[in-house]
Amino acid sequence: MKLANKTAVVTGAASGIGQAIALLFASEGATVYAFDIDEAGLKETEAKAPYGAKLTTAVVDVTQADQVRDALERVAQEAGRLDILVNNAGIGIAATVDETDEDDWDRLMAVNLRGVFLGCKYAVRIMKRQGGGVIINMASVAGIVGVKNRAAYSASKAGVYGLTKAMAVDHAADGIRVNCICPGTVDSPWIGKIIAGQPDPDAVRKSMEARQLLGRMGTPEEIAHAALYLAQDESAFVHGTALIIDGGLTAQ
């Protein structure tokens, strides 16, 4: 029970990596609040929670400041504190910069970057009041190296990477540890949709698997265990870092 007596919020928890993180944190004893805009997916997350787990779901749009602020304050009031925030909610677009529609760009930035900013902004205010906490932002290797047909996504994740570094400098004295995770290609529902929409899905899947040195995609559970490490007290000296979990993609 590595997170016993801890209160955690996980955004984008209706599927994929966010769902895996919420379920793992709950299994490790945390009181988990799972946020997403997908109410049906949240019900699935709740149904998958282990017996006796403390997991509550709430429909929250991370692009809306009032919803994020009110939801986090509600957690702090109900649970008494907010120990861990995982800013995981994100969307993607498979396109080059000239192919990217302006409205799609704005929507992606609203979720992937503004959503992380808002979560951090209002969590920091709570954590400063209580004397500390842990923030984990979901970035990507696409924010560190170039990835084909991911222009908007790469830009947003580079922003998350930079925000994490800046926050680590600004809030170390507040007792708030801030880190980010940079996954490689993870076999998530989002990747599944991209693959399914291609003329030759099998070929696209094989190409995505091949770009990792290990020859496969990662799993949401593997990324969840990285988040667990950063959330627990045993990682107390880990601050301002980007944990890359990519099967060797960036080693090439």
C-alpha atoms as a PDB file:
ATOM      1  CA  MET A   1       0.000   0.000   0.000  1.00  0.00           C
ATOM      2  CA  LYS A   2       2.485   2.573  -1.233  1.00  0.00           C
ATOM      3  CA  LEU A   3      -0.073   5.401  -1.301  1.00  0.00           C
ATOM      4  CA  ALA A   4      -1.928   4.701   1.925  1.00  0.00           C
ATOM      5  CA  ASN A   5      -3.489   7.839   3.421  1.00  0.00           C
ATOM      6  CA  LYS A   6      -2.819   9.828   0.240  1.00  0.00           C
ATOM      7  CA  THR A   7      -5.407  11.692  -1.818  1.00  0.00           C
ATOM      8  CA  ALA A   8      -4.868  11.740  -5.576  1.00  0.00           C
ATOM      9  CA  VAL A   9      -6.579  13.327  -8.560  1.00  0.00           C
ATOM     10  CA  VAL A  10      -6.091  11.813 -12.008  1.00  0.00           C
ATOM     11  CA  THR A  11      -7.395  13.591 -15.106  1.00  0.00           C
ATOM     12  CA  GLY A  12      -8.237  11.797 -18.330  1.00  0.00           C
ATOM     13  CA  ALA A  13      -9.109   8.765 -16.231  1.00  0.00           C
ATOM     14  CA  ALA A  14     -11.871   7.307 -18.402  1.00  0.00           C
ATOM     15  CA  SER A  15      -9.535   5.176 -20.506  1.00  0.00           C
ATOM     16  CA  GLY A  16      -5.969   4.307 -21.422  1.00  0.00           C
ATOM     17  CA  ILE A  17      -3.095   5.593 -19.317  1.00  0.00           C
ATOM     18  CA  GLY A  18      -5.306   7.713 -17.048  1.00  0.00           C
ATOM     19  CA  GLN A  19      -7.568   4.806 -16.222  1.00  0.00           C
ATOM     20  CA  ALA A  20      -4.563   2.581 -15.507  1.00  0.00           C
ATOM     21  CA  ILE A  21      -3.085   5.207 -13.176  1.00  0.00           C
ATOM     22  CA  ALA A  22      -6.348   5.729 -11.295  1.00  0.00           C
ATOM     23  CA  LEU A  23      -6.831   1.983 -10.785  1.00  0.00           C
ATOM     24  CA  LEU A  24      -3.224   1.386  -9.713  1.00  0.00           C
ATOM     25  CA  PHE A  25      -3.257   4.297  -7.263  1.00  0.00           C
ATOM     26  CA  ALA A  26      -6.511   3.023  -5.774  1.00  0.00           C
ATOM     27  CA  SER A  27      -5.066  -0.477  -5.426  1.00  0.00           C
ATOM     28  CA  GLU A  28      -2.108   1.037  -3.564  1.00  0.00           C
ATOM     29  CA  GLY A  29      -4.359   2.607  -0.946  1.00  0.00           C
ATOM     30  CA  ALA A  30      -4.901   6.119  -2.240  1.00  0.00           C
ATOM     31  CA  THR A  31      -8.223   7.909  -2.152  1.00  0.00           C
ATOM     32  CA  VAL A  32      -8.575   8.575  -5.866  1.00  0.00           C
ATOM     33  CA  TYR A  33     -10.701  11.143  -7.666  1.00  0.00           C
ATOM     34  CA  ALA A  34     -10.913  10.279 -11.357  1.00  0.00           C
ATOM     35  CA  PHE A  35     -11.765  13.198 -13.682  1.00  0.00           C
ATOM     36  CA  ASP A  36     -12.759  13.099 -17.355  1.00  0.00           C
ATOM     37  CA  ILE A  37     -15.401  14.465 -19.740  1.00  0.00           C
ATOM     38  CA  ASP A  38     -16.359  10.914 -20.754  1.00  0.00           C
ATOM     39  CA  GLU A  39     -19.019   9.906 -18.229  1.00  0.00           C
ATOM     40  CA  ALA A  40     -19.478   6.412 -19.681  1.00  0.00           C
ATOM     41  CA  GLY A  41     -15.733   5.796 -19.546  1.00  0.00           C
ATOM     42  CA  LEU A  42     -15.595   6.972 -15.940  1.00  0.00           C
ATOM     43  CA  LYS A  43     -18.274   4.440 -15.034  1.00  0.00           C
ATOM     44  CA  GLU A  44     -16.093   1.763 -16.592  1.00  0.00           C
ATOM     45  CA  THR A  45     -13.121   2.943 -14.537  1.00  0.00           C
ATOM     46  CA  GLU A  46     -15.218   2.821 -11.394  1.00  0.00           C
ATOM     47  CA  ALA A  47     -16.441  -0.692 -12.244  1.00  0.00           C
ATOM     48  CA  LYS A  48     -12.859  -1.911 -12.682  1.00  0.00           C
ATOM     49  CA  ALA A  49     -11.712  -0.608  -9.299  1.00  0.00           C
ATOM     50  CA  PRO A  50     -10.581  -3.339  -6.906  1.00  0.00           C
ATOM     51  CA  TYR A  51     -12.933  -4.315  -4.101  1.00  0.00           C
ATOM     52  CA  GLY A  52     -12.712  -1.873  -1.219  1.00  0.00           C
ATOM     53  CA  ALA A  53     -10.871   0.759  -3.232  1.00  0.00           C
ATOM     54  CA  LYS A  54     -11.624   4.416  -2.594  1.00  0.00           C
ATOM     55  CA  LEU A  55     -12.301   5.728  -6.086  1.00  0.00           C
ATOM     56  CA  THR A  56     -14.709   8.529  -6.946  1.00  0.00           C
ATOM     57  CA  THR A  57     -15.413   9.812 -10.451  1.00  0.00           C
ATOM     58  CA  ALA A  58     -16.441  13.270 -11.612  1.00  0.00           C
ATOM     59  CA  VAL A  59     -17.144  14.787 -15.019  1.00  0.00           C
ATOM     60  CA  VAL A  60     -14.675  17.657 -15.344  1.00  0.00           C
ATOM     61  CA  ASP A  61     -13.607  19.547 -18.475  1.00  0.00           C
ATOM     62  CA  VAL A  62      -9.935  20.405 -17.922  1.00  0.00           C
ATOM     63  CA  THR A  63     -10.154  23.303 -20.379  1.00  0.00           C
ATOM     64  CA  GLN A  64     -12.612  25.172 -18.135  1.00  0.00           C
ATOM     65  CA  ALA A  65     -10.958  27.084 -15.301  1.00  0.00           C
ATOM     66  CA  ASP A  66     -14.018  27.219 -13.068  1.00  0.00           C
ATOM     67  CA  GLN A  67     -14.601  23.471 -13.339  1.00  0.00           C
ATOM     68  CA  VAL A  68     -10.981  22.626 -12.557  1.00  0.00           C
ATOM     69  CA  ARG A  69     -10.780  25.071  -9.657  1.00  0.00           C
ATOM     70  CA  ASP A  70     -14.061  23.968  -8.104  1.00  0.00           C
ATOM     71  CA  ALA A  71     -13.353  20.250  -8.549  1.00  0.00           C
ATOM     72  CA  LEU A  72      -9.917  20.447  -6.922  1.00  0.00           C
ATOM     73  CA  GLU A  73     -11.180  22.580  -4.047  1.00  0.00           C
ATOM     74  CA  ARG A  74     -14.010  20.102  -3.529  1.00  0.00           C
ATOM     75  CA  VAL A  75     -11.501  17.252  -3.298  1.00  0.00           C
ATOM     76  CA  ALA A  76      -9.421  19.167  -0.774  1.00  0.00           C
ATOM     77  CA  GLN A  77     -12.495  19.872   1.348  1.00  0.00           C
ATOM     78  CA  GLU A  78     -13.869  16.333   1.223  1.00  0.00           C
ATOM     79  CA  ALA A  79     -10.589  14.496   1.723  1.00  0.00           C
ATOM     80  CA  GLY A  80      -8.884  17.098   3.889  1.00  0.00           C
ATOM     81  CA  ARG A  81      -5.966  17.574   1.496  1.00  0.00           C
ATOM     82  CA  LEU A  82      -4.696  17.021  -2.057  1.00  0.00           C
ATOM     83  CA  ASP A  83      -1.454  15.053  -2.039  1.00  0.00           C
ATOM     84  CA  ILE A  84      -1.067  14.073  -5.696  1.00  0.00           C
ATOM     85  CA  LEU A  85      -2.258  15.517  -9.000  1.00  0.00           C
ATOM     86  CA  VAL A  86      -1.697  13.632 -12.252  1.00  0.00           C
ATOM     87  CA  ASN A  87      -2.390  15.878 -15.242  1.00  0.00           C
ATOM     88  CA  ASN A  88      -2.963  13.149 -17.801  1.00  0.00           C
ATOM     89  CA  ALA A  89      -5.905  14.338 -19.925  1.00  0.00           C
ATOM     90  CA  GLY A  90      -4.868  14.763 -23.539  1.00  0.00           C
ATOM     91  CA  ILE A  91      -5.916  14.390 -27.153  1.00  0.00           C
ATOM     92  CA  GLY A  92      -3.977  13.967 -30.378  1.00  0.00           C
ATOM     93  CA  ILE A  93      -4.023  14.862 -34.041  1.00  0.00           C
ATOM     94  CA  ALA A  94      -2.217  12.885 -36.730  1.00  0.00           C
ATOM     95  CA  ALA A  95      -1.173  15.662 -39.132  1.00  0.00           C
ATOM     96  CA  THR A  96       1.703  17.819 -40.296  1.00  0.00           C
ATOM     97  CA  VAL A  97       1.596  21.527 -39.496  1.00  0.00           C
ATOM     98  CA  ASP A  98       0.200  22.510 -42.907  1.00  0.00           C
ATOM     99  CA  GLU A  99      -2.478  19.827 -42.669  1.00  0.00           C
ATOM    100  CA  THR A 100      -3.595  20.876 -39.187  1.00  0.00           C
ATOM    101  CA  ASP A 101      -6.874  22.787 -39.031  1.00  0.00           C
ATOM    102  CA  GLU A 102      -6.721  25.919 -36.874  1.00  0.00           C
ATOM    103  CA  ASP A 103      -9.724  24.883 -34.804  1.00  0.00           C
ATOM    104  CA  ASP A 104      -8.182  21.450 -34.189  1.00  0.00           C
ATOM    105  CA  TRP A 105      -4.941  23.145 -33.116  1.00  0.00           C
ATOM    106  CA  ASP A 106      -6.806  25.358 -30.641  1.00  0.00           C
ATOM    107  CA  ARG A 107      -8.777  22.424 -29.211  1.00  0.00           C
ATOM    108  CA  LEU A 108      -5.667  20.297 -28.788  1.00  0.00           C
ATOM    109  CA  MET A 109      -3.763  23.098 -27.071  1.00  0.00           C
ATOM    110  CA  ALA A 110      -6.753  23.765 -24.820  1.00  0.00           C
ATOM    111  CA  VAL A 111      -6.762  20.181 -23.553  1.00  0.00           C
ATOM    112  CA  ASN A 112      -3.071  19.249 -23.640  1.00  0.00           C
ATOM    113  CA  LEU A 113      -1.468  22.479 -22.458  1.00  0.00           C
ATOM    114  CA  ARG A 114      -4.116  24.789 -21.000  1.00  0.00           C
ATOM    115  CA  GLY A 115      -5.613  21.814 -19.153  1.00  0.00           C
ATOM    116  CA  VAL A 116      -2.263  21.025 -17.538  1.00  0.00           C
ATOM    117  CA  PHE A 117      -1.715  24.692 -16.710  1.00  0.00           C
ATOM    118  CA  LEU A 118      -5.110  24.977 -15.020  1.00  0.00           C
ATOM    119  CA  GLY A 119      -4.637  21.781 -13.033  1.00  0.00           C
ATOM    120  CA  CYS A 120      -1.234  22.962 -11.852  1.00  0.00           C
ATOM    121  CA  LYS A 121      -2.425  26.486 -11.087  1.00  0.00           C
ATOM    122  CA  TYR A 122      -5.215  25.452  -8.759  1.00  0.00           C
ATOM    123  CA  ALA A 123      -3.433  22.450  -7.259  1.00  0.00           C
ATOM    124  CA  VAL A 124      -0.437  24.602  -6.362  1.00  0.00           C
ATOM    125  CA  ARG A 125      -2.674  26.968  -4.395  1.00  0.00           C
ATOM    126  CA  ILE A 126      -4.023  24.047  -2.360  1.00  0.00           C
ATOM    127  CA  MET A 127      -0.642  22.388  -1.906  1.00  0.00           C
ATOM    128  CA  LYS A 128       0.978  25.614  -0.748  1.00  0.00           C
ATOM    129  CA  ARG A 129      -1.701  25.954   1.930  1.00  0.00           C
ATOM    130  CA  GLN A 130      -1.119  22.429   3.199  1.00  0.00           C
ATOM    131  CA  GLY A 131       2.683  22.515   2.996  1.00  0.00           C
ATOM    132  CA  GLY A 132       3.437  20.446  -0.098  1.00  0.00           C
ATOM    133  CA  GLY A 133       2.362  17.841  -2.598  1.00  0.00           C
ATOM    134  CA  VAL A 134       3.245  16.037  -5.808  1.00  0.00           C
ATOM    135  CA  ILE A 135       2.346  17.022  -9.366  1.00  0.00           C
ATOM    136  CA  ILE A 136       2.923  14.639 -12.274  1.00  0.00           C
ATOM    137  CA  ASN A 137       2.362  15.944 -15.799  1.00  0.00           C
ATOM    138  CA  MET A 138       1.975  13.658 -18.803  1.00  0.00           C
ATOM    139  CA  ALA A 139       4.308  14.860 -21.538  1.00  0.00           C
ATOM    140  CA  SER A 140       5.636  12.665 -24.355  1.00  0.00           C
ATOM    141  CA  VAL A 141       8.779  11.769 -26.263  1.00  0.00           C
ATOM    142  CA  ALA A 142       7.033  13.715 -29.048  1.00  0.00           C
ATOM    143  CA  GLY A 143       7.800  16.840 -27.017  1.00  0.00           C
ATOM    144  CA  ILE A 144      11.512  16.014 -26.984  1.00  0.00           C
ATOM    145  CA  VAL A 145      12.235  14.591 -30.455  1.00  0.00           C
ATOM    146  CA  GLY A 146      10.474  14.928 -33.776  1.00  0.00           C
ATOM    147  CA  VAL A 147       7.706  12.421 -34.500  1.00  0.00           C
ATOM    148  CA  LYS A 148       6.207  12.182 -37.985  1.00  0.00           C
ATOM    149  CA  ASN A 149       2.703  13.652 -38.466  1.00  0.00           C
ATOM    150  CA  ARG A 150       2.350  14.915 -34.892  1.00  0.00           C
ATOM    151  CA  ALA A 151       3.031  18.660 -35.271  1.00  0.00           C
ATOM    152  CA  ALA A 152       0.366  20.042 -32.923  1.00  0.00           C
ATOM    153  CA  TYR A 153       0.715  17.189 -30.453  1.00  0.00           C
ATOM    154  CA  SER A 154       4.497  17.606 -30.322  1.00  0.00           C
ATOM    155  CA  ALA A 155       4.172  21.342 -29.717  1.00  0.00           C
ATOM    156  CA  SER A 156       1.721  20.807 -26.865  1.00  0.00           C
ATOM    157  CA  LYS A 157       3.868  18.179 -25.160  1.00  0.00           C
ATOM    158  CA  ALA A 158       6.988  20.316 -25.493  1.00  0.00           C
ATOM    159  CA  GLY A 159       5.000  22.951 -23.637  1.00  0.00           C
ATOM    160  CA  VAL A 160       4.160  20.480 -20.865  1.00  0.00           C
ATOM    161  CA  TYR A 161       7.843  19.567 -20.613  1.00  0.00           C
ATOM    162  CA  GLY A 162       8.849  23.226 -20.294  1.00  0.00           C
ATOM    163  CA  LEU A 163       6.078  24.031 -17.821  1.00  0.00           C
ATOM    164  CA  THR A 164       7.171  21.134 -15.626  1.00  0.00           C
ATOM    165  CA  LYS A 165      10.757  22.387 -15.511  1.00  0.00           C
ATOM    166  CA  ALA A 166       9.678  25.949 -14.719  1.00  0.00           C
ATOM    167  CA  MET A 167       7.335  24.816 -11.958  1.00  0.00           C
ATOM    168  CA  ALA A 168      10.042  22.680 -10.391  1.00  0.00           C
ATOM    169  CA  VAL A 169      12.189  25.801 -10.047  1.00  0.00           C
ATOM    170  CA  ASP A 170       9.335  27.976  -8.795  1.00  0.00           C
ATOM    171  CA  HIS A 171       7.827  25.619  -6.218  1.00  0.00           C
ATOM    172  CA  ALA A 172      10.634  23.564  -4.692  1.00  0.00           C
ATOM    173  CA  ALA A 173      10.602  25.875  -1.678  1.00  0.00           C
ATOM    174  CA  ASP A 174       6.864  25.219  -1.286  1.00  0.00           C
ATOM    175  CA  GLY A 175       7.486  21.514  -0.814  1.00  0.00           C
ATOM    176  CA  ILE A 176       5.797  20.712  -4.138  1.00  0.00           C
ATOM    177  CA  ARG A 177       7.577  18.124  -6.266  1.00  0.00           C
ATOM    178  CA  VAL A 178       6.869  18.488  -9.986  1.00  0.00           C
ATOM    179  CA  ASN A 179       7.890  15.927 -12.610  1.00  0.00           C
ATOM    180  CA  CYS A 180       6.666  14.727 -15.982  1.00  0.00           C
ATOM    181  CA  ILE A 181       6.491  11.406 -17.758  1.00  0.00           C
ATOM    182  CA  CYS A 182       7.422  11.122 -21.418  1.00  0.00           C
ATOM    183  CA  PRO A 183       5.939   7.926 -22.844  1.00  0.00           C
ATOM    184  CA  GLY A 184       6.832   6.539 -26.223  1.00  0.00           C
ATOM    185  CA  THR A 185       4.151   4.856 -28.311  1.00  0.00           C
ATOM    186  CA  VAL A 186       1.599   3.321 -25.956  1.00  0.00           C
ATOM    187  CA  ASP A 187      -1.114   0.919 -27.093  1.00  0.00           C
ATOM    188  CA  SER A 188      -3.978   3.118 -25.919  1.00  0.00           C
ATOM    189  CA  PRO A 189      -7.487   3.813 -27.277  1.00  0.00           C
ATOM    190  CA  TRP A 190      -6.180   6.980 -28.967  1.00  0.00           C
ATOM    191  CA  ILE A 191      -3.493   5.056 -30.848  1.00  0.00           C
ATOM    192  CA  GLY A 192      -6.106   2.431 -31.692  1.00  0.00           C
ATOM    193  CA  LYS A 193      -8.304   5.078 -33.325  1.00  0.00           C
ATOM    194  CA  ILE A 194      -5.398   6.436 -35.358  1.00  0.00           C
ATOM    195  CA  ILE A 195      -4.495   2.959 -36.564  1.00  0.00           C
ATOM    196  CA  ALA A 196      -8.090   2.028 -37.382  1.00  0.00           C
ATOM    197  CA  GLY A 197      -8.481   5.136 -39.535  1.00  0.00           C
ATOM    198  CA  GLN A 198      -5.562   4.262 -41.825  1.00  0.00           C
ATOM    199  CA  PRO A 199      -5.890   2.522 -45.209  1.00  0.00           C
ATOM    200  CA  ASP A 200      -3.667  -0.335 -44.011  1.00  0.00           C
ATOM    201  CA  PRO A 201      -4.104  -0.631 -40.212  1.00  0.00           C
ATOM    202  CA  ASP A 202      -1.848  -3.697 -39.874  1.00  0.00           C
ATOM    203  CA  ALA A 203       1.039  -1.972 -41.623  1.00  0.00           C
ATOM    204  CA  VAL A 204       0.637   1.163 -39.511  1.00  0.00           C
ATOM    205  CA  ARG A 205       0.591  -0.880 -36.297  1.00  0.00           C
ATOM    206  CA  LYS A 206       3.754  -2.712 -37.319  1.00  0.00           C
ATOM    207  CA  SER A 207       5.512   0.568 -38.147  1.00  0.00           C
ATOM    208  CA  MET A 208       4.532   2.016 -34.761  1.00  0.00           C
ATOM    209  CA  GLU A 209       5.839  -1.074 -33.006  1.00  0.00           C
ATOM    210  CA  ALA A 210       9.078  -1.052 -35.001  1.00  0.00           C
ATOM    211  CA  ARG A 211      10.117   2.463 -33.980  1.00  0.00           C
ATOM    212  CA  GLN A 212      10.761   1.230 -30.437  1.00  0.00           C
ATOM    213  CA  LEU A 213      14.007  -0.735 -30.058  1.00  0.00           C
ATOM    214  CA  LEU A 214      12.070  -3.326 -28.068  1.00  0.00           C
ATOM    215  CA  GLY A 215       9.852  -3.893 -31.100  1.00  0.00           C
ATOM    216  CA  ARG A 216       6.536  -3.266 -29.397  1.00  0.00           C
ATOM    217  CA  MET A 217       4.354  -0.527 -27.997  1.00  0.00           C
ATOM    218  CA  GLY A 218       4.167   0.153 -24.296  1.00  0.00           C
ATOM    219  CA  THR A 219       1.115  -0.581 -22.174  1.00  0.00           C
ATOM    220  CA  PRO A 220      -0.920   1.862 -20.085  1.00  0.00           C
ATOM    221  CA  GLU A 221      -0.040  -0.202 -17.007  1.00  0.00           C
ATOM    222  CA  GLU A 222       3.700   0.292 -17.596  1.00  0.00           C
ATOM    223  CA  ILE A 223       3.221   4.057 -17.625  1.00  0.00           C
ATOM    224  CA  ALA A 224       0.987   3.815 -14.548  1.00  0.00           C
ATOM    225  CA  HIS A 225       3.789   2.186 -12.577  1.00  0.00           C
ATOM    226  CA  ALA A 226       6.066   5.076 -13.499  1.00  0.00           C
ATOM    227  CA  ALA A 227       3.466   7.481 -12.130  1.00  0.00           C
ATOM    228  CA  LEU A 228       3.255   5.386  -8.972  1.00  0.00           C
ATOM    229  CA  TYR A 229       7.006   5.707  -8.489  1.00  0.00           C
ATOM    230  CA  LEU A 230       6.896   9.498  -8.853  1.00  0.00           C
ATOM    231  CA  ALA A 231       3.890   9.760  -6.530  1.00  0.00           C
ATOM    232  CA  GLN A 232       5.250   7.775  -3.618  1.00  0.00           C
ATOM    233  CA  ASP A 233       7.470   9.013  -0.817  1.00  0.00           C
ATOM    234  CA  GLU A 234      10.368   6.814  -1.987  1.00  0.00           C
ATOM    235  CA  SER A 235      10.911   9.235  -4.880  1.00  0.00           C
ATOM    236  CA  ALA A 236      11.251  12.236  -2.566  1.00  0.00           C
ATOM    237  CA  PHE A 237      14.539  13.305  -4.211  1.00  0.00           C
ATOM    238  CA  VAL A 238      13.113  13.201  -7.750  1.00  0.00           C
ATOM    239  CA  HIS A 239      12.201  16.746  -8.763  1.00  0.00           C
ATOM    240  CA  GLY A 240      12.047  18.604 -12.059  1.00  0.00           C
ATOM    241  CA  THR A 241      12.795  15.547 -14.140  1.00  0.00           C
ATOM    242  CA  ALA A 242      11.305  14.030 -17.283  1.00  0.00           C
ATOM    243  CA  LEU A 243      10.995  10.264 -16.923  1.00  0.00           C
ATOM    244  CA  ILE A 244      11.297   8.774 -20.411  1.00  0.00           C
ATOM    245  CA  ILE A 245       9.577   5.417 -20.920  1.00  0.00           C
ATOM    246  CA  ASP A 246       9.767   4.665 -24.616  1.00  0.00           C
ATOM    247  CA  GLY A 247      11.135   1.209 -25.322  1.00  0.00           C
ATOM    248  CA  GLY A 248      14.325   2.769 -26.648  1.00  0.00           C
ATOM    249  CA  LEU A 249      12.729   5.132 -29.202  1.00  0.00           C
ATOM    250  CA  THR A 250      14.875   8.132 -28.193  1.00  0.00           C
ATOM    251  CA  ALA A 251      18.061   6.047 -27.867  1.00  0.00           C
ATOM    252  CA  GLN A 252      18.381   5.889 -31.647  1.00  0.00           C
END
